[in-house]
Amino acid sequence: MALTSLAMLFVTEQRINNKEYALLLSYNDVRELLVEQLANDGRNIEAKIEQTVKRHQQREKDIMRYYKNE
C-alpha cells in the first residue's frame, strides 16, 4: 500500500512538472522501479529502466498507429 501511494504521488508530480515527457509514465512503472531499488539495492535498476523505456516506446507507437487509422 505504501509503495503504491509513493508511486501515485511521484507520477502525479512528474505529470504536473513534465507534461511533455511523463505522459506515458504509469504508477506500475514507478512501483516496479521502487521495488527494484529497495529490494535488490538497485543492482538491476538500469535493466529495469531500459525495459520501461522500451515499453513506453512501444506504447507510443501503438497510440500513434491507432490515431493514424481514425
PDB file of N, CA and C in Angstrom:
ATOM      1  N   MET A   1       0.813  -1.188   0.000  1.00  0.00           N
ATOM      2  CA  MET A   1       0.000   0.000   0.000  1.00  0.00           C
ATOM      3  C   MET A   1       0.868   1.267   0.000  1.00  0.00           C
ATOM      4  N   ALA A   2       1.912   1.240   0.790  1.00  0.00           N
ATOM      5  CA  ALA A   2       2.786   2.415   0.874  1.00  0.00           C
ATOM      6  C   ALA A   2       3.516   2.652  -0.442  1.00  0.00           C
ATOM      7  N   LEU A   3       3.979   1.580  -1.097  1.00  0.00           N
ATOM      8  CA  LEU A   3       4.672   1.751  -2.374  1.00  0.00           C
ATOM      9  C   LEU A   3       3.732   2.311  -3.430  1.00  0.00           C
ATOM     10  N   THR A   4       2.510   1.842  -3.416  1.00  0.00           N
ATOM     11  CA  THR A   4       1.538   2.349  -4.376  1.00  0.00           C
ATOM     12  C   THR A   4       1.270   3.824  -4.146  1.00  0.00           C
ATOM     13  N   SER A   5       1.147   4.228  -2.893  1.00  0.00           N
ATOM     14  CA  SER A   5       0.918   5.640  -2.578  1.00  0.00           C
ATOM     15  C   SER A   5       2.100   6.499  -2.993  1.00  0.00           C
ATOM     16  N   LEU A   6       3.310   6.034  -2.741  1.00  0.00           N
ATOM     17  CA  LEU A   6       4.502   6.771  -3.167  1.00  0.00           C
ATOM     18  C   LEU A   6       4.566   6.882  -4.683  1.00  0.00           C
ATOM     19  N   ALA A   7       4.241   5.788  -5.365  1.00  0.00           N
ATOM     20  CA  ALA A   7       4.256   5.796  -6.825  1.00  0.00           C
ATOM     21  C   ALA A   7       3.223   6.779  -7.367  1.00  0.00           C
ATOM     22  N   MET A   8       2.044   6.788  -6.781  1.00  0.00           N
ATOM     23  CA  MET A   8       0.997   7.710  -7.233  1.00  0.00           C
ATOM     24  C   MET A   8       1.415   9.164  -7.036  1.00  0.00           C
ATOM     25  N   LEU A   9       2.018   9.461  -5.893  1.00  0.00           N
ATOM     26  CA  LEU A   9       2.487  10.815  -5.624  1.00  0.00           C
ATOM     27  C   LEU A   9       3.555  11.229  -6.624  1.00  0.00           C
ATOM     28  N   PHE A  10       4.525  10.363  -6.854  1.00  0.00           N
ATOM     29  CA  PHE A  10       5.609  10.667  -7.776  1.00  0.00           C
ATOM     30  C   PHE A  10       5.091  10.891  -9.187  1.00  0.00           C
ATOM     31  N   VAL A  11       4.230  10.004  -9.660  1.00  0.00           N
ATOM     32  CA  VAL A  11       3.710  10.126 -11.022  1.00  0.00           C
ATOM     33  C   VAL A  11       2.901  11.406 -11.170  1.00  0.00           C
ATOM     34  N   THR A  12       2.091  11.723 -10.204  1.00  0.00           N
ATOM     35  CA  THR A  12       1.301  12.946 -10.265  1.00  0.00           C
ATOM     36  C   THR A  12       2.200  14.173 -10.324  1.00  0.00           C
ATOM     37  N   GLU A  13       3.230  14.204  -9.496  1.00  0.00           N
ATOM     38  CA  GLU A  13       4.168  15.333  -9.520  1.00  0.00           C
ATOM     39  C   GLU A  13       4.878  15.431 -10.865  1.00  0.00           C
ATOM     40  N   GLN A  14       5.315  14.303 -11.397  1.00  0.00           N
ATOM     41  CA  GLN A  14       6.022  14.305 -12.673  1.00  0.00           C
ATOM     42  C   GLN A  14       5.118  14.730 -13.814  1.00  0.00           C
ATOM     43  N   ARG A  15       3.876  14.283 -13.786  1.00  0.00           N
ATOM     44  CA  ARG A  15       2.944  14.685 -14.851  1.00  0.00           C
ATOM     45  C   ARG A  15       2.660  16.179 -14.798  1.00  0.00           C
ATOM     46  N   ILE A  16       2.626  16.746 -13.619  1.00  0.00           N
ATOM     47  CA  ILE A  16       2.395  18.191 -13.481  1.00  0.00           C
ATOM     48  C   ILE A  16       3.630  18.969 -13.937  1.00  0.00           C
ATOM     49  N   ASN A  17       4.805  18.544 -13.505  1.00  0.00           N
ATOM     50  CA  ASN A  17       6.037  19.277 -13.794  1.00  0.00           C
ATOM     51  C   ASN A  17       6.611  18.997 -15.173  1.00  0.00           C
ATOM     52  N   ASN A  18       6.383  17.820 -15.723  1.00  0.00           N
ATOM     53  CA  ASN A  18       6.973  17.415 -17.004  1.00  0.00           C
ATOM     54  C   ASN A  18       5.899  16.883 -17.932  1.00  0.00           C
ATOM     55  N   LYS A  19       4.939  17.694 -18.256  1.00  0.00           N
ATOM     56  CA  LYS A  19       3.800  17.264 -19.055  1.00  0.00           C
ATOM     57  C   LYS A  19       4.221  16.620 -20.365  1.00  0.00           C
ATOM     58  N   GLU A  20       5.262  17.151 -20.961  1.00  0.00           N
ATOM     59  CA  GLU A  20       5.683  16.671 -22.273  1.00  0.00           C
ATOM     60  C   GLU A  20       6.383  15.311 -22.206  1.00  0.00           C
ATOM     61  N   TYR A  21       7.114  15.041 -21.129  1.00  0.00           N
ATOM     62  CA  TYR A  21       7.958  13.854 -21.064  1.00  0.00           C
ATOM     63  C   TYR A  21       7.384  12.704 -20.244  1.00  0.00           C
ATOM     64  N   ALA A  22       6.454  12.971 -19.378  1.00  0.00           N
ATOM     65  CA  ALA A  22       5.982  11.947 -18.452  1.00  0.00           C
ATOM     66  C   ALA A  22       4.565  11.471 -18.751  1.00  0.00           C
ATOM     67  N   LEU A  23       4.095  11.670 -19.955  1.00  0.00           N
ATOM     68  CA  LEU A  23       2.719  11.309 -20.260  1.00  0.00           C
ATOM     69  C   LEU A  23       2.463   9.811 -20.151  1.00  0.00           C
ATOM     70  N   LEU A  24       3.420   8.986 -20.536  1.00  0.00           N
ATOM     71  CA  LEU A  24       3.207   7.547 -20.523  1.00  0.00           C
ATOM     72  C   LEU A  24       3.661   6.884 -19.227  1.00  0.00           C
ATOM     73  N   LEU A  25       4.185   7.657 -18.323  1.00  0.00           N
ATOM     74  CA  LEU A  25       4.637   7.111 -17.048  1.00  0.00           C
ATOM     75  C   LEU A  25       3.437   6.619 -16.245  1.00  0.00           C
ATOM     76  N   SER A  26       3.507   5.371 -15.812  1.00  0.00           N
ATOM     77  CA  SER A  26       2.378   4.803 -15.075  1.00  0.00           C
ATOM     78  C   SER A  26       2.781   4.536 -13.630  1.00  0.00           C
ATOM     79  N   TYR A  27       1.767   4.343 -12.816  1.00  0.00           N
ATOM     80  CA  TYR A  27       2.011   4.020 -11.410  1.00  0.00           C
ATOM     81  C   TYR A  27       2.762   2.703 -11.295  1.00  0.00           C
ATOM     82  N   ASN A  28       2.410   1.762 -12.144  1.00  0.00           N
ATOM     83  CA  ASN A  28       3.072   0.457 -12.100  1.00  0.00           C
ATOM     84  C   ASN A  28       4.543   0.566 -12.489  1.00  0.00           C
ATOM     85  N   ASP A  29       4.874   1.420 -13.446  1.00  0.00           N
ATOM     86  CA  ASP A  29       6.280   1.635 -13.824  1.00  0.00           C
ATOM     87  C   ASP A  29       7.089   2.092 -12.615  1.00  0.00           C
ATOM     88  N   VAL A  30       6.576   3.083 -11.925  1.00  0.00           N
ATOM     89  CA  VAL A  30       7.288   3.641 -10.772  1.00  0.00           C
ATOM     90  C   VAL A  30       7.344   2.632  -9.633  1.00  0.00           C
ATOM     91  N   ARG A  31       6.256   1.918  -9.421  1.00  0.00           N
ATOM     92  CA  ARG A  31       6.228   0.918  -8.352  1.00  0.00           C
ATOM     93  C   ARG A  31       7.272  -0.167  -8.602  1.00  0.00           C
ATOM     94  N   GLU A  32       7.373  -0.628  -9.856  1.00  0.00           N
ATOM     95  CA  GLU A  32       8.377  -1.643 -10.193  1.00  0.00           C
ATOM     96  C   GLU A  32       9.791  -1.128  -9.958  1.00  0.00           C
ATOM     97  N   LEU A  33      10.047   0.127 -10.315  1.00  0.00           N
ATOM     98  CA  LEU A  33      11.372   0.703 -10.094  1.00  0.00           C
ATOM     99  C   LEU A  33      11.667   0.856  -8.600  1.00  0.00           C
ATOM    100  N   LEU A  34      10.664   1.237  -7.825  1.00  0.00           N
ATOM    101  CA  LEU A  34      10.852   1.334  -6.371  1.00  0.00           C
ATOM    102  C   LEU A  34      11.154  -0.029  -5.757  1.00  0.00           C
ATOM    103  N   VAL A  35      10.426  -1.038  -6.178  1.00  0.00           N
ATOM    104  CA  VAL A  35      10.668  -2.389  -5.664  1.00  0.00           C
ATOM    105  C   VAL A  35      12.076  -2.827  -6.016  1.00  0.00           C
ATOM    106  N   GLU A  36      12.490  -2.591  -7.246  1.00  0.00           N
ATOM    107  CA  GLU A  36      13.842  -2.963  -7.663  1.00  0.00           C
ATOM    108  C   GLU A  36      14.889  -2.240  -6.823  1.00  0.00           C
ATOM    109  N   GLN A  37      14.679  -0.956  -6.604  1.00  0.00           N
ATOM    110  CA  GLN A  37      15.641  -0.167  -5.839  1.00  0.00           C
ATOM    111  C   GLN A  37      15.704  -0.617  -4.382  1.00  0.00           C
ATOM    112  N   LEU A  38      14.558  -0.852  -3.779  1.00  0.00           N
ATOM    113  CA  LEU A  38      14.522  -1.177  -2.353  1.00  0.00           C
ATOM    114  C   LEU A  38      14.858  -2.639  -2.067  1.00  0.00           C
ATOM    115  N   ALA A  39      14.344  -3.549  -2.877  1.00  0.00           N
ATOM    116  CA  ALA A  39      14.521  -4.971  -2.598  1.00  0.00           C
ATOM    117  C   ALA A  39      15.889  -5.490  -3.036  1.00  0.00           C
ATOM    118  N   ASN A  40      16.389  -4.987  -4.138  1.00  0.00           N
ATOM    119  CA  ASN A  40      17.635  -5.524  -4.698  1.00  0.00           C
ATOM    120  C   ASN A  40      18.775  -4.518  -4.664  1.00  0.00           C
ATOM    121  N   ASP A  41      18.656  -3.507  -3.850  1.00  0.00           N
ATOM    122  CA  ASP A  41      19.688  -2.478  -3.722  1.00  0.00           C
ATOM    123  C   ASP A  41      20.044  -1.826  -5.054  1.00  0.00           C
ATOM    124  N   GLY A  42      19.123  -1.853  -6.003  1.00  0.00           N
ATOM    125  CA  GLY A  42      19.333  -1.181  -7.281  1.00  0.00           C
ATOM    126  C   GLY A  42      20.321  -1.862  -8.194  1.00  0.00           C
ATOM    127  N   ARG A  43      20.604  -3.137  -7.951  1.00  0.00           N
ATOM    128  CA  ARG A  43      21.588  -3.843  -8.777  1.00  0.00           C
ATOM    129  C   ARG A  43      21.151  -3.966 -10.232  1.00  0.00           C
ATOM    130  N   ASN A  44      19.870  -4.134 -10.464  1.00  0.00           N
ATOM    131  CA  ASN A  44      19.360  -4.298 -11.827  1.00  0.00           C
ATOM    132  C   ASN A  44      18.522  -3.108 -12.267  1.00  0.00           C
ATOM    133  N   ILE A  45      18.754  -1.975 -11.667  1.00  0.00           N
ATOM    134  CA  ILE A  45      17.913  -0.810 -11.950  1.00  0.00           C
ATOM    135  C   ILE A  45      18.065  -0.342 -13.397  1.00  0.00           C
ATOM    136  N   GLU A  46      19.256  -0.417 -13.943  1.00  0.00           N
ATOM    137  CA  GLU A  46      19.465   0.010 -15.337  1.00  0.00           C
ATOM    138  C   GLU A  46      18.675  -0.874 -16.297  1.00  0.00           C
ATOM    139  N   ALA A  47      18.672  -2.166 -16.059  1.00  0.00           N
ATOM    140  CA  ALA A  47      17.908  -3.082 -16.909  1.00  0.00           C
ATOM    141  C   ALA A  47      16.419  -2.799 -16.795  1.00  0.00           C
ATOM    142  N   LYS A  48      15.955  -2.507 -15.594  1.00  0.00           N
ATOM    143  CA  LYS A  48      14.538  -2.210 -15.375  1.00  0.00           C
ATOM    144  C   LYS A  48      14.155  -0.904 -16.066  1.00  0.00           C
ATOM    145  N   ILE A  49      15.049   0.089 -16.030  1.00  0.00           N
ATOM    146  CA  ILE A  49      14.785   1.357 -16.708  1.00  0.00           C
ATOM    147  C   ILE A  49      14.731   1.157 -18.220  1.00  0.00           C
ATOM    148  N   GLU A  50      15.658   0.367 -18.760  1.00  0.00           N
ATOM    149  CA  GLU A  50      15.655   0.082 -20.196  1.00  0.00           C
ATOM    150  C   GLU A  50      14.372  -0.626 -20.611  1.00  0.00           C
ATOM    151  N   GLN A  51      13.926  -1.562 -19.795  1.00  0.00           N
ATOM    152  CA  GLN A  51      12.690  -2.280 -20.067  1.00  0.00           C
ATOM    153  C   GLN A  51      11.502  -1.312 -20.074  1.00  0.00           C
ATOM    154  N   THR A  52      11.489  -0.396 -19.131  1.00  0.00           N
ATOM    155  CA  THR A  52      10.413   0.586 -19.051  1.00  0.00           C
ATOM    156  C   THR A  52      10.427   1.508 -20.265  1.00  0.00           C
ATOM    157  N   VAL A  53      11.599   1.955 -20.675  1.00  0.00           N
ATOM    158  CA  VAL A  53      11.715   2.834 -21.846  1.00  0.00           C
ATOM    159  C   VAL A  53      11.225   2.116 -23.105  1.00  0.00           C
ATOM    160  N   LYS A  54      11.612   0.865 -23.278  1.00  0.00           N
ATOM    161  CA  LYS A  54      11.165   0.094 -24.445  1.00  0.00           C
ATOM    162  C   LYS A  54       9.645  -0.071 -24.439  1.00  0.00           C
ATOM    163  N   ARG A  55       9.081  -0.322 -23.266  1.00  0.00           N
ATOM    164  CA  ARG A  55       7.634  -0.471 -23.151  1.00  0.00           C
ATOM    165  C   ARG A  55       6.931   0.846 -23.506  1.00  0.00           C
ATOM    166  N   HIS A  56       7.501   1.969 -23.083  1.00  0.00           N
ATOM    167  CA  HIS A  56       6.924   3.278 -23.403  1.00  0.00           C
ATOM    168  C   HIS A  56       7.013   3.561 -24.895  1.00  0.00           C
ATOM    169  N   GLN A  57       8.123   3.187 -25.517  1.00  0.00           N
ATOM    170  CA  GLN A  57       8.266   3.393 -26.957  1.00  0.00           C
ATOM    171  C   GLN A  57       7.228   2.581 -27.721  1.00  0.00           C
ATOM    172  N   GLN A  58       7.013   1.337 -27.300  1.00  0.00           N
ATOM    173  CA  GLN A  58       6.020   0.500 -27.950  1.00  0.00           C
ATOM    174  C   GLN A  58       4.613   1.057 -27.736  1.00  0.00           C
ATOM    175  N   ARG A  59       4.340   1.524 -26.535  1.00  0.00           N
ATOM    176  CA  ARG A  59       3.041   2.110 -26.227  1.00  0.00           C
ATOM    177  C   ARG A  59       2.791   3.348 -27.082  1.00  0.00           C
ATOM    178  N   GLU A  60       3.825   4.172 -27.259  1.00  0.00           N
ATOM    179  CA  GLU A  60       3.689   5.368 -28.085  1.00  0.00           C
ATOM    180  C   GLU A  60       3.422   5.003 -29.541  1.00  0.00           C
ATOM    181  N   LYS A  61       4.110   3.988 -30.059  1.00  0.00           N
ATOM    182  CA  LYS A  61       3.867   3.531 -31.430  1.00  0.00           C
ATOM    183  C   LYS A  61       2.431   3.042 -31.592  1.00  0.00           C
ATOM    184  N   ASP A  62       1.944   2.302 -30.609  1.00  0.00           N
ATOM    185  CA  ASP A  62       0.570   1.811 -30.660  1.00  0.00           C
ATOM    186  C   ASP A  62      -0.432   2.952 -30.660  1.00  0.00           C
ATOM    187  N   ILE A  63      -0.187   3.957 -29.842  1.00  0.00           N
ATOM    188  CA  ILE A  63      -1.077   5.122 -29.781  1.00  0.00           C
ATOM    189  C   ILE A  63      -1.087   5.842 -31.125  1.00  0.00           C
ATOM    190  N   MET A  64       0.092   6.067 -31.676  1.00  0.00           N
ATOM    191  CA  MET A  64       0.182   6.772 -32.951  1.00  0.00           C
ATOM    192  C   MET A  64      -0.487   5.970 -34.068  1.00  0.00           C
ATOM    193  N   ARG A  65      -0.331   4.657 -34.072  1.00  0.00           N
ATOM    194  CA  ARG A  65      -0.955   3.811 -35.067  1.00  0.00           C
ATOM    195  C   ARG A  65      -2.488   3.868 -34.951  1.00  0.00           C
ATOM    196  N   TYR A  66      -2.977   3.898 -33.726  1.00  0.00           N
ATOM    197  CA  TYR A  66      -4.424   3.980 -33.504  1.00  0.00           C
ATOM    198  C   TYR A  66      -4.996   5.278 -34.071  1.00  0.00           C
ATOM    199  N   TYR A  67      -4.348   6.399 -33.787  1.00  0.00           N
ATOM    200  CA  TYR A  67      -4.861   7.688 -34.242  1.00  0.00           C
ATOM    201  C   TYR A  67      -4.644   7.896 -35.739  1.00  0.00           C
ATOM    202  N   LYS A  68      -3.670   7.221 -36.308  1.00  0.00           N
ATOM    203  CA  LYS A  68      -3.435   7.313 -37.744  1.00  0.00           C
ATOM    204  C   LYS A  68      -4.569   6.638 -38.516  1.00  0.00           C
ATOM    205  N   ASN A  69      -5.110   5.584 -37.944  1.00  0.00           N
ATOM    206  CA  ASN A  69      -6.171   4.834 -38.624  1.00  0.00           C
ATOM    207  C   ASN A  69      -7.545   5.462 -38.495  1.00  0.00           C
ATOM    208  N   GLU A  70      -7.695   6.432 -37.637  1.00  0.00           N
ATOM    209  CA  GLU A  70      -9.016   7.070 -37.471  1.00  0.00           C
ATOM    210  C   GLU A  70      -9.310   8.042 -38.570  1.00  0.00           C
TER     211      GLU A  70
END
